[in-house]
C-alpha cells in the first residue's frame, strides 16, 4: 500500500521564501518513495511524501518550523492510495 503524508504551513507574510528554504533543508531519518515540495499564494508551502507502508505505520514527518516563521501550527494529513476500478 502507498501512504501519502501531507505537511502544510503558512509563513509570516513576506517570509514564504524563507519557509521554502527551511523545508528544503529538513532531512528525514528514512527516505520516502517520493517527496514533492509545492508553494501557493499567501506564503504557503506544502510537502507531500509517499511511502510504501501501512496506513497506520509509524513514519517520519517534517517538524514544526520556528514559531516566528509561521502564522499557525502546521496542518498534517495522511492518505492511502486507492486502486483504480
Protein backbone atom coordinates (compact mmCIF):
# COMPACT_ATOMS: atom_id res chain seq x y z
CA UNK A 1 0.00 0.00 0.00
CA UNK A 2 1.15 3.54 -0.66
CA UNK A 3 0.59 6.17 2.01
CA UNK A 4 0.97 9.91 1.37
CA UNK A 5 1.77 12.30 4.18
CA UNK A 6 0.91 15.93 3.59
CA UNK A 7 2.50 18.75 5.57
CA UNK A 8 1.31 22.34 5.02
CA UNK A 9 2.45 25.56 6.65
CA UNK A 10 1.79 29.25 6.13
CA UNK A 11 4.70 31.61 6.61
CA UNK A 12 4.50 35.00 8.19
CA UNK A 13 3.75 37.49 5.41
CA UNK A 14 6.78 38.03 3.20
CA UNK A 15 8.70 35.04 4.58
CA UNK A 16 7.49 32.40 2.14
CA UNK A 17 10.90 32.00 0.50
CA UNK A 18 12.48 31.55 3.92
CA UNK A 19 9.96 28.84 4.81
CA UNK A 20 10.58 27.15 1.46
CA UNK A 21 14.33 27.20 2.10
CA UNK A 22 13.80 25.81 5.62
CA UNK A 23 11.68 22.93 4.25
CA UNK A 24 14.37 22.05 1.71
CA UNK A 25 16.97 21.65 4.47
CA UNK A 26 14.86 19.22 6.52
CA UNK A 27 16.11 15.65 6.23
CA UNK A 28 14.01 12.69 7.24
CA UNK A 29 15.58 9.68 9.01
CA UNK A 30 14.23 7.42 6.23
CA UNK A 31 13.88 8.06 2.51
CA UNK A 32 10.32 8.17 1.11
CA UNK A 33 9.43 6.74 -2.30
CA UNK A 34 8.89 10.32 -3.43
CA UNK A 35 8.96 13.79 -1.91
CA UNK A 36 7.45 16.85 -3.55
CA UNK A 37 7.53 20.47 -2.37
CA UNK A 38 4.90 22.94 -3.61
CA UNK A 39 4.05 26.55 -2.87
CA UNK A 40 0.94 28.66 -3.14
CA UNK A 41 -0.16 32.27 -2.66
CA UNK A 42 -0.21 33.70 0.85
CA UNK A 43 3.29 32.27 1.54
CA UNK A 44 2.04 28.69 1.92
CA UNK A 45 4.30 25.64 1.49
CA UNK A 46 3.10 22.07 1.02
CA UNK A 47 5.24 18.94 1.26
CA UNK A 48 3.93 15.54 0.19
CA UNK A 49 5.88 12.36 0.89
CA UNK A 50 4.91 8.92 -0.43
CA UNK A 51 5.73 5.73 1.49
CA UNK A 52 5.38 2.02 0.87
CA UNK A 53 3.76 1.33 4.23
CA UNK A 54 0.53 0.52 6.02
CA UNK A 55 -1.82 3.44 6.67
CA UNK A 56 -1.10 3.43 10.40
CA UNK A 57 2.66 2.86 10.09
CA UNK A 58 4.98 4.97 12.21
CA UNK A 59 6.50 7.23 9.53
CA UNK A 60 8.88 10.17 9.86
CA UNK A 61 7.34 13.60 9.37
CA UNK A 62 8.73 17.08 9.00
CA UNK A 63 8.90 19.02 12.27
CA UNK A 64 7.18 22.27 13.16
CA UNK A 65 9.20 25.28 11.99
CA UNK A 66 10.15 28.04 14.38
CA UNK A 67 7.01 29.79 15.62
CA UNK A 68 8.27 33.16 14.37
CA UNK A 69 8.42 31.81 10.80
CA UNK A 70 4.83 30.58 10.56
CA UNK A 71 1.43 32.12 11.30
CA UNK A 72 -0.15 28.96 12.76
CA UNK A 73 0.56 25.35 13.60
CA UNK A 74 1.41 23.06 10.68
CA UNK A 75 -1.51 21.16 9.16
CA UNK A 76 -0.91 17.45 8.60
CA UNK A 77 -2.95 14.85 6.72
CA UNK A 78 -2.46 11.18 5.88
CA UNK A 79 -3.98 9.47 2.85
CA UNK A 80 -3.78 5.98 1.39
CA UNK A 81 -3.81 5.17 -2.30
CA UNK A 82 -6.97 3.68 -3.76
CA UNK A 83 -6.70 1.24 -6.66
CA UNK A 84 -8.48 2.22 -9.86
CA UNK A 85 -11.59 0.24 -10.76
